[in-house]
Amino acid sequence: MKLLAAIFAFTLSFSATAQSSVTWLETAHNFGAFSENDGKVACTFRFVNNRQTPVIIQSARATCGCTTPDYSKAPIAPGDTGTVQVSYNPTGRPGRFDKKIYVDLDTEPSRYTLTISGSVIGTPATIGQRFPAEAGPFRMRNSAIAFGEVYTGHGKTFFLDIYNTSTDPLVPRWEELPPYITLTAARDTVYPGENLAFTFTMAADKAPMLGLLTDSIMLAPGAGHDPIPVPVMVMVKEDFSKLTGGQRLNAPEIALSDPTLDFDRISRSNGKITRTFTITNRGKDPLLLRRVYTADPGITVRTSTAKIKKGKSATVTVTVDPSQLQADMLNARINIIANDPMNPVTVVRAVGLLAP
């Protein structure tokens, strides 16, 4: 008899413990799509006190300043309903949002999480500030995918947000990606008034060459819209960080015969003009010319050899086609990328004036 009584008492105790102190009638609210011009939106979350004693809301806080919670300050009697009002300010925040509100009660457990979500259709002024670059039906946060400097053996990511200004859901596609770039996104579709972040990852070891690389990726918004070219820029550099002390001591050392090539006065009617300079290796190991190039129009560069032994030199021939020059002054950069860890990139200037 005593055993049955103990089991019955334990069962009652377990049931009382297992029952939650409060029951939330809702823990998530979706405002849907609404205009930024509508101003603040608000909703109310409710819970019922299941205890035999009052429940007190101790605090309620949001994850950002755009979301403001307010709550019942008086104790909630047994069986009564407590409320937490939450407002969201959309000003200057176009796109989709998903915010959490943490509510602390004097219960066990004490912490409860509420969620609000929705999509803000921004005003033209706000969209222009946050997404200044136009791309058909999209606005982009950046006009180009610029990775900056990336060293061999390493990678780098670039995040590009696009915003759908149209009234239709769009499924953008990225075409003609270079082999050294991969792309990921959280989802396929960008709904009206929402933005989507794309993650571009650049692998330096897959790049075709060192130095400045420029490319163009095509953004295809979807049916009825023409593809839009988006520039890609990255500076690939050789990583010398793992060289030993001995390797640095024996490393090649680049030396130029002249840092400037003076073409003097140039006439557009005289045809192509050529100048030369030399690159000498003053180090011990062979000097490897990874790339010798210029991005300036009307100029071509040619080297006699790409491998320069200790104490030897290579001749660099620079040819200018005056008919291709776009200004009345020549001021071009000849970039030399080599395996000299102290001077991996050196520059020779090609200068001159175009005669009238």
Protein backbone atom coordinates (compact mmCIF):
# COMPACT_ATOMS: atom_id res chain seq x y z
CA MET A 1 0.00 0.00 0.00
CA LYS A 2 2.82 2.39 0.93
CA LEU A 3 4.57 1.54 -2.39
CA LEU A 4 1.44 2.43 -4.41
CA ALA A 5 1.11 5.71 -2.55
CA ALA A 6 4.74 6.59 -3.25
CA ILE A 7 4.35 5.83 -6.96
CA PHE A 8 1.16 7.95 -7.12
CA ALA A 9 2.86 10.86 -5.36
CA PHE A 10 5.87 10.64 -7.73
CA THR A 11 3.56 10.61 -10.77
CA LEU A 12 1.75 13.74 -9.59
CA SER A 13 5.06 15.46 -8.90
CA PHE A 14 6.44 14.53 -12.38
CA SER A 15 3.27 15.76 -14.13
CA ALA A 16 3.42 19.09 -12.32
CA THR A 17 7.10 19.50 -13.24
CA ALA A 18 6.60 18.43 -16.86
CA GLN A 19 3.82 20.97 -17.43
CA SER A 20 5.26 24.25 -18.68
CA SER A 21 4.83 27.28 -16.45
CA VAL A 22 3.44 29.26 -19.38
CA THR A 23 1.92 28.49 -22.77
CA TRP A 24 2.73 30.87 -25.63
CA LEU A 25 -0.17 31.27 -28.05
CA GLU A 26 2.31 32.32 -30.77
CA THR A 27 6.10 32.67 -30.93
CA ALA A 28 6.56 33.87 -34.53
CA HIS A 29 4.95 36.57 -36.65
CA ASN A 30 5.43 37.31 -40.36
CA PHE A 31 4.47 40.82 -41.46
CA GLY A 32 4.71 39.84 -45.12
CA ALA A 33 5.75 42.48 -47.67
CA PHE A 34 5.04 46.12 -46.82
CA SER A 35 6.26 49.52 -47.93
CA GLU A 36 8.92 51.45 -46.10
CA ASN A 37 6.56 54.43 -46.38
CA ASP A 38 4.08 52.61 -44.12
CA GLY A 39 6.30 53.33 -41.14
CA LYS A 40 6.55 51.12 -38.07
CA VAL A 41 4.66 47.83 -37.94
CA ALA A 42 3.75 46.03 -34.73
CA CYS A 43 2.38 42.75 -33.41
CA THR A 44 1.50 41.23 -30.04
CA PHE A 45 2.70 37.91 -28.60
CA ARG A 46 0.60 36.35 -25.81
CA PHE A 47 1.16 33.66 -23.21
CA VAL A 48 -1.06 32.04 -20.55
CA ASN A 49 0.14 31.58 -16.97
CA ASN A 50 -0.24 27.89 -16.09
CA ARG A 51 1.16 28.26 -12.56
CA GLN A 52 -0.69 28.59 -9.30
CA THR A 53 1.30 31.76 -8.59
CA PRO A 54 1.74 35.01 -10.59
CA VAL A 55 4.32 35.21 -13.38
CA ILE A 56 6.50 38.28 -13.83
CA ILE A 57 8.11 39.36 -17.12
CA GLN A 58 11.59 40.38 -16.05
CA SER A 59 12.89 41.70 -19.38
CA ALA A 60 12.49 41.64 -23.15
CA ARG A 61 15.24 42.64 -25.56
CA ALA A 62 15.79 42.50 -29.31
CA THR A 63 18.89 41.72 -31.36
CA CYS A 64 19.03 45.20 -32.97
CA GLY A 65 17.79 48.75 -32.47
CA CYS A 66 15.26 48.51 -35.32
CA THR A 67 13.14 46.14 -33.20
CA THR A 68 11.52 47.43 -30.00
CA PRO A 69 9.74 45.17 -27.48
CA ASP A 70 7.30 46.32 -24.77
CA TYR A 71 5.60 44.08 -22.22
CA SER A 72 3.20 43.73 -19.32
CA LYS A 73 4.79 45.26 -16.21
CA ALA A 74 2.28 43.98 -13.65
CA PRO A 75 2.39 40.34 -12.46
CA ILE A 76 0.23 37.98 -14.54
CA ALA A 77 -2.17 36.14 -12.27
CA PRO A 78 -2.75 32.34 -12.59
CA GLY A 79 -4.81 31.64 -15.70
CA ASP A 80 -4.40 35.17 -17.04
CA THR A 81 -2.63 36.24 -20.25
CA GLY A 82 0.62 38.20 -20.50
CA THR A 83 1.59 40.19 -23.58
CA VAL A 84 4.76 41.29 -25.35
CA GLN A 85 4.30 43.95 -28.05
CA VAL A 86 7.00 44.14 -30.72
CA SER A 87 7.44 46.94 -33.27
CA TYR A 88 9.79 47.07 -36.25
CA ASN A 89 11.07 50.28 -37.83
CA PRO A 90 11.67 49.78 -41.60
CA THR A 91 13.16 53.22 -42.27
CA GLY A 92 16.34 52.82 -44.31
CA ARG A 93 16.09 49.02 -44.20
CA PRO A 94 14.81 47.68 -47.53
CA GLY A 95 14.74 43.93 -48.02
CA ARG A 96 13.94 40.87 -45.99
CA PHE A 97 14.38 40.84 -42.20
CA ASP A 98 14.31 38.14 -39.55
CA LYS A 99 14.68 39.37 -35.96
CA LYS A 100 14.67 37.62 -32.60
CA ILE A 101 13.34 38.89 -29.28
CA TYR A 102 14.48 37.28 -26.03
CA VAL A 103 11.94 37.32 -23.18
CA ASP A 104 12.94 36.45 -19.60
CA LEU A 105 10.27 35.32 -17.09
CA ASP A 106 10.57 34.24 -13.45
CA THR A 107 9.79 30.68 -14.54
CA GLU A 108 11.66 27.49 -15.36
CA PRO A 109 12.80 27.68 -18.09
CA SER A 110 13.22 31.44 -17.85
CA ARG A 111 14.26 32.37 -21.42
CA TYR A 112 11.85 32.32 -24.39
CA THR A 113 12.59 33.35 -27.97
CA LEU A 114 10.13 35.18 -30.24
CA THR A 115 10.67 35.88 -33.94
CA ILE A 116 9.40 38.53 -36.35
CA SER A 117 10.04 38.51 -40.09
CA GLY A 118 8.92 40.22 -43.27
CA SER A 119 10.09 42.08 -46.34
CA VAL A 120 10.39 45.85 -46.69
CA ILE A 121 9.77 47.38 -50.12
CA GLY A 122 12.13 50.34 -49.96
CA THR A 123 11.65 53.83 -51.32
CA PRO A 124 13.76 54.83 -54.37
CA ALA A 125 15.91 57.08 -52.15
CA THR A 126 16.64 54.33 -49.62
CA ILE A 127 17.31 51.72 -52.28
CA GLY A 128 19.68 54.10 -54.05
CA GLN A 129 21.65 54.65 -50.86
CA ARG A 130 22.00 50.99 -49.92
CA PHE A 131 22.17 49.55 -53.43
CA PRO A 132 23.70 52.30 -55.60
CA ALA A 133 24.64 50.19 -58.66
CA GLU A 134 21.95 49.55 -61.28
CA ALA A 135 21.71 46.11 -62.93
CA GLY A 136 18.49 45.81 -64.90
CA PRO A 137 15.65 44.94 -62.50
CA PHE A 138 18.21 44.62 -59.71
CA ARG A 139 20.15 47.12 -57.66
CA MET A 140 23.55 46.00 -56.34
CA ARG A 141 25.51 47.08 -53.30
CA ASN A 142 28.71 47.11 -55.39
CA SER A 143 29.23 47.87 -59.06
CA ALA A 144 32.11 45.37 -59.35
CA ILE A 145 33.45 42.22 -57.71
CA ALA A 146 36.77 43.50 -56.35
CA PHE A 147 38.79 40.94 -54.39
CA GLY A 148 41.81 43.16 -53.79
CA GLU A 149 45.08 41.32 -53.16
CA VAL A 150 45.09 37.51 -53.04
CA TYR A 151 48.30 35.51 -52.48
CA THR A 152 49.16 32.21 -54.11
CA GLY A 153 48.09 29.23 -52.03
CA HIS A 154 45.24 31.25 -50.55
CA GLY A 155 41.67 32.24 -51.34
CA LYS A 156 39.43 35.20 -50.70
CA THR A 157 35.68 35.82 -50.64
CA PHE A 158 33.58 38.74 -51.82
CA PHE A 159 29.94 39.21 -50.82
CA LEU A 160 27.63 40.89 -53.32
CA ASP A 161 24.07 41.83 -52.33
CA ILE A 162 21.44 42.35 -55.02
CA TYR A 163 17.96 43.83 -54.47
CA ASN A 164 14.89 43.02 -56.58
CA THR A 165 13.16 46.27 -57.57
CA SER A 166 10.59 44.55 -59.79
CA THR A 167 7.15 43.22 -58.85
CA ASP A 168 8.02 39.67 -59.93
CA PRO A 169 10.06 36.93 -58.26
CA LEU A 170 13.33 36.58 -60.17
CA VAL A 171 15.81 33.70 -60.43
CA PRO A 172 19.16 35.29 -61.33
CA ARG A 173 21.93 33.26 -62.95
CA TRP A 174 25.62 34.06 -63.09
CA GLU A 175 27.25 33.07 -66.37
CA GLU A 176 30.79 32.97 -67.77
CA LEU A 177 32.49 32.62 -64.39
CA PRO A 178 36.31 32.39 -64.69
CA PRO A 179 37.74 29.03 -63.55
CA TYR A 180 39.33 30.65 -60.50
CA ILE A 181 35.97 31.82 -59.08
CA THR A 182 33.22 29.75 -57.44
CA LEU A 183 29.79 30.98 -56.37
CA THR A 184 27.26 30.10 -53.67
CA ALA A 185 23.96 31.59 -52.50
CA ALA A 186 21.44 30.77 -49.78
CA ARG A 187 18.59 30.32 -52.26
CA ASP A 188 17.68 30.66 -55.95
CA THR A 189 14.78 33.13 -55.98
CA VAL A 190 14.83 36.83 -55.13
CA TYR A 191 11.31 37.99 -54.31
CA PRO A 192 10.04 41.56 -54.86
CA GLY A 193 11.46 43.97 -52.30
CA GLU A 194 14.02 41.40 -51.07
CA ASN A 195 17.77 41.19 -51.36
CA LEU A 196 20.00 38.15 -51.75
CA ALA A 197 23.69 37.82 -50.93
CA PHE A 198 26.00 35.95 -53.29
CA THR A 199 29.35 34.65 -52.07
CA PHE A 200 32.14 34.69 -54.66
CA THR A 201 35.30 32.78 -53.71
CA MET A 202 38.57 33.36 -55.54
CA ALA A 203 41.29 30.63 -55.54
CA ALA A 204 44.64 32.24 -56.39
CA ASP A 205 46.23 28.95 -57.46
CA LYS A 206 43.66 28.60 -60.25
CA ALA A 207 44.40 32.05 -61.66
CA PRO A 208 46.03 32.01 -65.12
CA MET A 209 48.79 34.44 -64.10
CA LEU A 210 50.10 36.74 -61.40
CA GLY A 211 49.38 40.45 -61.28
CA LEU A 212 46.21 42.31 -62.09
CA LEU A 213 43.41 40.18 -63.54
CA THR A 214 40.29 41.78 -64.98
CA ASP A 215 37.29 39.80 -66.12
CA SER A 216 33.57 40.16 -66.59
CA ILE A 217 30.79 37.94 -65.25
CA MET A 218 27.33 38.05 -66.77
CA LEU A 219 24.32 38.49 -64.49
CA ALA A 220 21.21 37.07 -66.18
CA PRO A 221 18.18 38.37 -64.20
CA GLY A 222 15.69 35.98 -65.79
CA ALA A 223 13.08 35.83 -68.55
CA GLY A 224 12.48 39.12 -70.32
CA HIS A 225 15.70 40.76 -69.11
CA ASP A 226 19.04 41.08 -70.90
CA PRO A 227 22.23 39.84 -69.19
CA ILE A 228 24.31 42.52 -67.47
CA PRO A 229 28.14 42.44 -67.34
CA VAL A 230 29.64 42.79 -63.86
CA PRO A 231 33.40 43.57 -63.73
CA VAL A 232 35.77 41.35 -61.75
CA MET A 233 39.13 42.59 -60.46
CA VAL A 234 41.83 40.83 -58.45
CA MET A 235 45.53 41.34 -57.82
CA VAL A 236 47.29 37.96 -57.56
CA LYS A 237 50.59 38.03 -55.69
CA GLU A 238 53.19 35.37 -54.98
CA ASP A 239 53.42 34.23 -51.37
CA PHE A 240 57.02 34.34 -50.08
CA SER A 241 56.10 33.92 -46.40
CA LYS A 242 57.31 30.31 -46.20
CA LEU A 243 60.82 30.93 -47.52
CA THR A 244 63.59 29.84 -45.15
CA GLY A 245 66.44 32.11 -44.12
CA GLY A 246 68.77 30.29 -46.51
CA GLN A 247 66.35 30.64 -49.40
CA ARG A 248 66.06 34.37 -48.78
CA LEU A 249 69.84 34.69 -48.61
CA ASN A 250 70.20 33.01 -52.02
CA ALA A 251 67.14 34.65 -53.55
CA PRO A 252 67.33 36.46 -56.89
CA GLU A 253 67.59 40.23 -56.88
CA ILE A 254 66.12 42.33 -59.67
CA ALA A 255 67.89 45.43 -61.01
CA LEU A 256 66.71 47.73 -63.83
CA SER A 257 68.93 49.65 -66.23
CA ASP A 258 66.50 52.59 -66.11
CA PRO A 259 63.22 53.14 -64.25
CA THR A 260 61.98 55.42 -67.06
CA LEU A 261 61.79 55.06 -70.85
CA ASP A 262 61.66 58.46 -72.50
CA PHE A 263 60.02 58.41 -75.94
CA ASP A 264 60.47 62.20 -76.19
CA ARG A 265 58.13 63.78 -78.76
CA ILE A 266 55.86 61.36 -80.60
CA SER A 267 54.05 61.95 -83.86
CA ARG A 268 50.94 59.94 -84.70
CA SER A 269 52.04 59.83 -88.35
CA ASN A 270 55.50 58.35 -87.76
CA GLY A 271 54.41 54.79 -87.06
CA LYS A 272 55.48 52.57 -84.18
CA ILE A 273 58.39 53.56 -81.94
CA THR A 274 60.57 51.17 -79.91
CA ARG A 275 62.72 51.56 -76.80
CA THR A 276 64.49 48.94 -74.68
CA PHE A 277 65.73 48.47 -71.13
CA THR A 278 67.46 45.61 -69.34
CA ILE A 279 66.69 43.53 -66.27
CA THR A 280 69.71 42.13 -64.41
CA ASN A 281 69.82 39.44 -61.73
CA ARG A 282 72.14 40.54 -58.90
CA GLY A 283 71.12 37.64 -56.67
CA LYS A 284 72.21 34.00 -56.59
CA ASP A 285 69.21 31.90 -57.64
CA PRO A 286 67.73 32.36 -61.13
CA LEU A 287 65.43 35.34 -61.53
CA LEU A 288 62.11 34.24 -63.02
CA LEU A 289 60.04 36.85 -64.81
CA ARG A 290 56.52 35.70 -63.94
CA ARG A 291 54.86 38.39 -66.01
CA VAL A 292 55.89 41.60 -67.78
CA TYR A 293 52.89 43.58 -68.99
CA THR A 294 51.08 46.89 -69.28
CA ALA A 295 47.39 47.71 -69.14
CA ASP A 296 47.83 50.92 -71.15
CA PRO A 297 46.49 50.88 -74.72
CA GLY A 298 48.80 51.25 -77.72
CA ILE A 299 51.78 49.64 -75.97
CA THR A 300 53.23 46.15 -76.34
CA VAL A 301 56.00 44.55 -74.27
CA ARG A 302 58.34 41.68 -75.19
CA THR A 303 61.17 40.08 -73.16
CA SER A 304 64.18 38.22 -74.56
CA THR A 305 63.96 35.52 -71.84
CA ALA A 306 61.87 34.70 -68.81
CA LYS A 307 64.74 33.12 -66.83
CA ILE A 308 67.80 35.16 -65.87
CA LYS A 309 70.77 33.44 -64.27
CA LYS A 310 73.05 35.01 -61.68
CA GLY A 311 74.79 38.08 -63.08
CA LYS A 312 72.98 37.87 -66.44
CA SER A 313 70.48 40.24 -68.05
CA ALA A 314 67.35 40.17 -70.19
CA THR A 315 66.27 42.79 -72.70
CA VAL A 316 62.75 44.19 -72.58
CA THR A 317 61.44 45.78 -75.78
CA VAL A 318 58.64 48.30 -75.44
CA THR A 319 56.77 49.35 -78.59
CA VAL A 320 54.42 52.31 -78.77
CA ASP A 321 51.80 52.70 -81.50
CA PRO A 322 51.00 56.45 -81.47
CA SER A 323 47.77 55.93 -83.40
CA GLN A 324 46.38 53.93 -80.46
CA LEU A 325 47.21 56.43 -77.73
CA GLN A 326 44.15 58.03 -76.17
CA ALA A 327 45.74 61.19 -74.78
CA ASP A 328 48.25 63.86 -75.82
CA MET A 329 50.73 62.56 -73.29
CA LEU A 330 52.32 59.12 -72.84
CA ASN A 331 52.55 58.04 -69.20
CA ALA A 332 52.34 54.25 -69.10
CA ARG A 333 53.29 51.62 -66.50
CA ILE A 334 55.35 48.57 -67.45
CA ASN A 335 54.75 46.08 -64.63
CA ILE A 336 57.41 43.46 -63.92
CA ILE A 337 56.43 40.55 -61.68
CA ALA A 338 59.34 38.34 -60.62
CA ASN A 339 60.37 35.88 -57.92
CA ASP A 340 62.46 38.45 -56.04
CA PRO A 341 60.94 38.30 -52.53
CA MET A 342 62.15 41.82 -51.73
CA ASN A 343 60.81 43.36 -54.95
CA PRO A 344 58.13 41.05 -56.37
CA VAL A 345 56.66 43.91 -58.45
CA THR A 346 58.71 46.68 -60.08
CA VAL A 347 57.54 49.38 -62.47
CA VAL A 348 59.13 51.10 -65.44
CA ARG A 349 57.51 54.29 -66.69
CA ALA A 350 57.12 54.96 -70.42
CA VAL A 351 56.75 58.72 -70.97
CA GLY A 352 56.53 61.10 -73.90
CA LEU A 353 54.62 63.96 -75.54
CA LEU A 354 52.53 63.71 -78.70
CA ALA A 355 53.42 66.34 -81.27
CA PRO A 356 50.50 68.28 -82.76
